[in-house]
C-alpha atoms as a PDB file:
ATOM      1  CA  MET A   1      -0.172  -0.199   0.201  1.00  0.00           C
ATOM      2  CA  LEU A   2       2.311   2.822   0.841  1.00  0.00           C
ATOM      3  CA  LYS A   3       5.765   1.306  -0.099  1.00  0.00           C
ATOM      4  CA  GLY A   4       8.715   2.047   1.831  1.00  0.00           C
ATOM      5  CA  LEU A   5       6.793   2.997   5.124  1.00  0.00           C
ATOM      6  CA  GLY A   6       6.971  -0.434   6.621  1.00  0.00           C
ATOM      7  CA  GLY A   7       3.985  -1.517   8.439  1.00  0.00           C
ATOM      8  CA  LEU A   8       2.160   2.332   7.981  1.00  0.00           C
ATOM      9  CA  GLY A   9       0.088   1.140   5.851  1.00  0.00           C
ATOM     10  CA  ASP A  10      -1.101  -1.727   8.002  1.00  0.00           C
ATOM     11  CA  MET A  11      -2.382   0.875  10.727  1.00  0.00           C
ATOM     12  CA  ALA A  12      -3.846   3.150   8.461  1.00  0.00           C
ATOM     13  CA  LYS A  13      -5.943  -0.122   7.281  1.00  0.00           C
ATOM     14  CA  ILE A  14      -6.833  -0.578  11.182  1.00  0.00           C
ATOM     15  CA  MET A  15      -7.461   2.968  11.849  1.00  0.00           C
ATOM     16  CA  LYS A  16     -10.173   2.878   9.085  1.00  0.00           C
ATOM     17  CA  GLN A  17     -11.722  -0.129  10.242  1.00  0.00           C
ATOM     18  CA  ALA A  18     -11.995   1.187  13.852  1.00  0.00           C
ATOM     19  CA  GLN A  19     -13.540   3.944  12.559  1.00  0.00           C
ATOM     20  CA  GLU A  20     -16.216   1.871  10.794  1.00  0.00           C
ATOM     21  CA  MET A  21     -16.657   0.058  13.553  1.00  0.00           C
ATOM     22  CA  GLN A  22     -17.158   2.897  15.870  1.00  0.00           C
ATOM     23  CA  SER A  23     -19.846   4.531  13.442  1.00  0.00           C
ATOM     24  CA  LYS A  24     -21.552   0.982  13.381  1.00  0.00           C
ATOM     25  CA  MET A  25     -21.740   0.817  17.111  1.00  0.00           C
ATOM     26  CA  SER A  26     -23.021   4.268  17.409  1.00  0.00           C
ATOM     27  CA  GLU A  27     -25.708   3.704  14.892  1.00  0.00           C
ATOM     28  CA  ALA A  28     -26.922   0.304  16.701  1.00  0.00           C
ATOM     29  CA  GLN A  29     -26.779   2.473  20.067  1.00  0.00           C
ATOM     30  CA  ASP A  30     -29.189   4.783  18.544  1.00  0.00           C
ATOM     31  CA  ALA A  31     -31.386   1.802  17.330  1.00  0.00           C
ATOM     32  CA  LEU A  32     -31.551   0.251  20.413  1.00  0.00           C
ATOM     33  CA  ASP A  33     -33.663   3.329  21.532  1.00  0.00           C
ATOM     34  CA  GLN A  34     -36.238   2.068  19.445  1.00  0.00           C
ATOM     35  CA  ILE A  35     -36.574  -1.155  19.814  1.00  0.00           C
ATOM     36  CA  THR A  36     -38.885  -2.373  22.560  1.00  0.00           C
ATOM     37  CA  VAL A  37     -39.288  -5.540  24.608  1.00  0.00           C
ATOM     38  CA  THR A  38     -41.977  -6.459  26.895  1.00  0.00           C
ATOM     39  CA  GLY A  39     -41.459  -8.372  30.196  1.00  0.00           C
ATOM     40  CA  GLU A  40     -44.539  -9.847  32.076  1.00  0.00           C
ATOM     41  CA  ALA A  41     -45.406 -11.805  35.234  1.00  0.00           C
ATOM     42  CA  GLY A  42     -48.334 -13.463  36.587  1.00  0.00           C
ATOM     43  CA  ALA A  43     -49.300 -14.861  33.317  1.00  0.00           C
ATOM     44  CA  GLY A  44     -49.766 -11.826  31.930  1.00  0.00           C
ATOM     45  CA  LEU A  45     -51.380  -9.648  34.733  1.00  0.00           C
ATOM     46  CA  VAL A  46     -48.429  -7.495  35.055  1.00  0.00           C
ATOM     47  CA  THR A  47     -46.644  -6.217  31.397  1.00  0.00           C
ATOM     48  CA  ALA A  48     -43.532  -3.887  32.045  1.00  0.00           C
ATOM     49  CA  THR A  49     -42.285  -2.560  28.249  1.00  0.00           C
ATOM     50  CA  ALA A  50     -38.587  -1.267  27.805  1.00  0.00           C
ATOM     51  CA  THR A  51     -36.337  -0.070  25.350  1.00  0.00           C
ATOM     52  CA  ALA A  52     -33.420  -2.511  24.397  1.00  0.00           C
ATOM     53  CA  LYS A  53     -31.375  -0.098  26.363  1.00  0.00           C
ATOM     54  CA  GLY A  54     -33.161  -1.036  29.192  1.00  0.00           C
ATOM     55  CA  GLU A  55     -35.399   2.216  30.125  1.00  0.00           C
ATOM     56  CA  LEU A  56     -38.793   1.320  31.546  1.00  0.00           C
ATOM     57  CA  THR A  57     -41.433   2.923  29.017  1.00  0.00           C
ATOM     58  CA  GLY A  58     -44.672   1.388  29.877  1.00  0.00           C
ATOM     59  CA  LEU A  59     -46.229  -0.554  33.078  1.00  0.00           C
ATOM     60  CA  SER A  60     -49.991  -2.456  32.750  1.00  0.00           C
ATOM     61  CA  ILE A  61     -51.022  -3.576  35.763  1.00  0.00           C
ATOM     62  CA  ASP A  62     -54.745  -5.938  35.538  1.00  0.00           C
ATOM     63  CA  PRO A  63     -56.763  -4.558  38.189  1.00  0.00           C
ATOM     64  CA  SER A  64     -57.752  -7.880  39.758  1.00  0.00           C
ATOM     65  CA  ILE A  65     -54.303  -8.164  41.520  1.00  0.00           C
ATOM     66  CA  PHE A  66     -55.195  -5.086  43.696  1.00  0.00           C
ATOM     67  CA  SER A  67     -56.460  -6.675  46.662  1.00  0.00           C
ATOM     68  CA  PRO A  68     -55.606  -5.133  50.448  1.00  0.00           C
ATOM     69  CA  ASP A  69     -54.859  -8.603  51.106  1.00  0.00           C
ATOM     70  CA  ASP A  70     -52.761  -9.472  48.263  1.00  0.00           C
ATOM     71  CA  LYS A  71     -50.674  -6.167  48.458  1.00  0.00           C
ATOM     72  CA  GLU A  72     -47.207  -8.076  48.553  1.00  0.00           C
ATOM     73  CA  VAL A  73     -48.247 -10.196  45.672  1.00  0.00           C
ATOM     74  CA  ALA A  74     -48.983  -7.211  43.679  1.00  0.00           C
ATOM     75  CA  GLU A  75     -45.648  -5.491  44.382  1.00  0.00           C
ATOM     76  CA  ASP A  76     -43.914  -9.233  43.474  1.00  0.00           C
ATOM     77  CA  LEU A  77     -45.639  -9.079  40.376  1.00  0.00           C
ATOM     78  CA  ILE A  78     -44.548  -5.656  39.176  1.00  0.00           C
ATOM     79  CA  LEU A  79     -40.973  -6.035  40.185  1.00  0.00           C
ATOM     80  CA  ALA A  80     -40.663  -9.342  38.265  1.00  0.00           C
ATOM     81  CA  ALA A  81     -42.427  -7.919  35.513  1.00  0.00           C
ATOM     82  CA  ILE A  82     -39.473  -5.226  35.319  1.00  0.00           C
ATOM     83  CA  LYS A  83     -36.836  -7.319  36.057  1.00  0.00           C
ATOM     84  CA  ASP A  84     -38.439  -9.555  32.911  1.00  0.00           C
ATOM     85  CA  ALA A  85     -38.448  -6.710  30.681  1.00  0.00           C
ATOM     86  CA  GLN A  86     -34.709  -5.592  31.783  1.00  0.00           C
ATOM     87  CA  GLN A  87     -33.304  -9.051  30.857  1.00  0.00           C
ATOM     88  CA  ARG A  88     -34.875  -9.190  27.898  1.00  0.00           C
ATOM     89  CA  ALA A  89     -33.534  -5.573  26.607  1.00  0.00           C
ATOM     90  CA  SER A  90     -30.136  -6.749  28.036  1.00  0.00           C
ATOM     91  CA  ALA A  91     -30.326  -9.874  25.481  1.00  0.00           C
ATOM     92  CA  ARG A  92     -31.796  -7.883  22.610  1.00  0.00           C
ATOM     93  CA  ALA A  93     -28.823  -5.207  23.039  1.00  0.00           C
ATOM     94  CA  GLN A  94     -26.449  -7.962  22.781  1.00  0.00           C
ATOM     95  CA  GLU A  95     -28.162  -9.278  19.931  1.00  0.00           C
ATOM     96  CA  GLU A  96     -27.920  -6.652  17.941  1.00  0.00           C
ATOM     97  CA  MET A  97     -24.333  -5.776  19.070  1.00  0.00           C
ATOM     98  CA  ALA A  98     -23.385  -8.990  17.985  1.00  0.00           C
ATOM     99  CA  LYS A  99     -24.884  -8.172  14.769  1.00  0.00           C
ATOM    100  CA  VAL A 100     -22.503  -5.158  14.294  1.00  0.00           C
ATOM    101  CA  THR A 101     -19.341  -6.824  15.444  1.00  0.00           C
ATOM    102  CA  GLU A 102     -19.713 -10.030  13.394  1.00  0.00           C
ATOM    103  CA  GLY A 103     -17.190 -10.646  10.619  1.00  0.00           C
ATOM    104  CA  MET A 104     -14.703  -8.137  12.225  1.00  0.00           C
ATOM    105  CA  GLY A 105     -12.144 -10.822  13.802  1.00  0.00           C
ATOM    106  CA  LEU A 106     -13.591  -9.961  17.413  1.00  0.00           C
ATOM    107  CA  PRO A 107     -13.575 -13.214  19.858  1.00  0.00           C
ATOM    108  CA  ALA A 108     -16.544 -14.906  20.317  1.00  0.00           C
ATOM    109  CA  GLY A 109     -18.620 -13.736  23.616  1.00  0.00           C
ATOM    110  CA  MET A 110     -16.472 -10.317  23.751  1.00  0.00           C
ATOM    111  CA  LYS A 111     -18.392  -8.010  25.396  1.00  0.00           C
ATOM    112  CA  LEU A 112     -17.874  -3.986  24.648  1.00  0.00           C
ATOM    113  CA  PRO A 113     -18.592  -1.605  26.412  1.00  0.00           C
ATOM    114  CA  PHE A 114     -22.379   0.277  26.286  1.00  0.00           C
END
């Protein structure tokens, strides 16, 4: 590529690949705000919606769980639905990031900071 400069030609290629990867990662991060996942608990009595980044955007609670005697059950179902949505968001984010990094020669399972 650049004769007489030794490995500098390879370095330029590596830098270009790094810039492309950074651009793709940025686009993927932006896309995570648009992807939504839904977690649920109590066979759908409580559902929580979140972005793939894990931001809670909605919560739906069936009124049948609001009994004074079942306050703790309702609280547990709400927490379970939120946790389920967060786990699904994390899994979806990993899937989306894997799409960006495939074919780049990165070690399998490498977790990138996001």
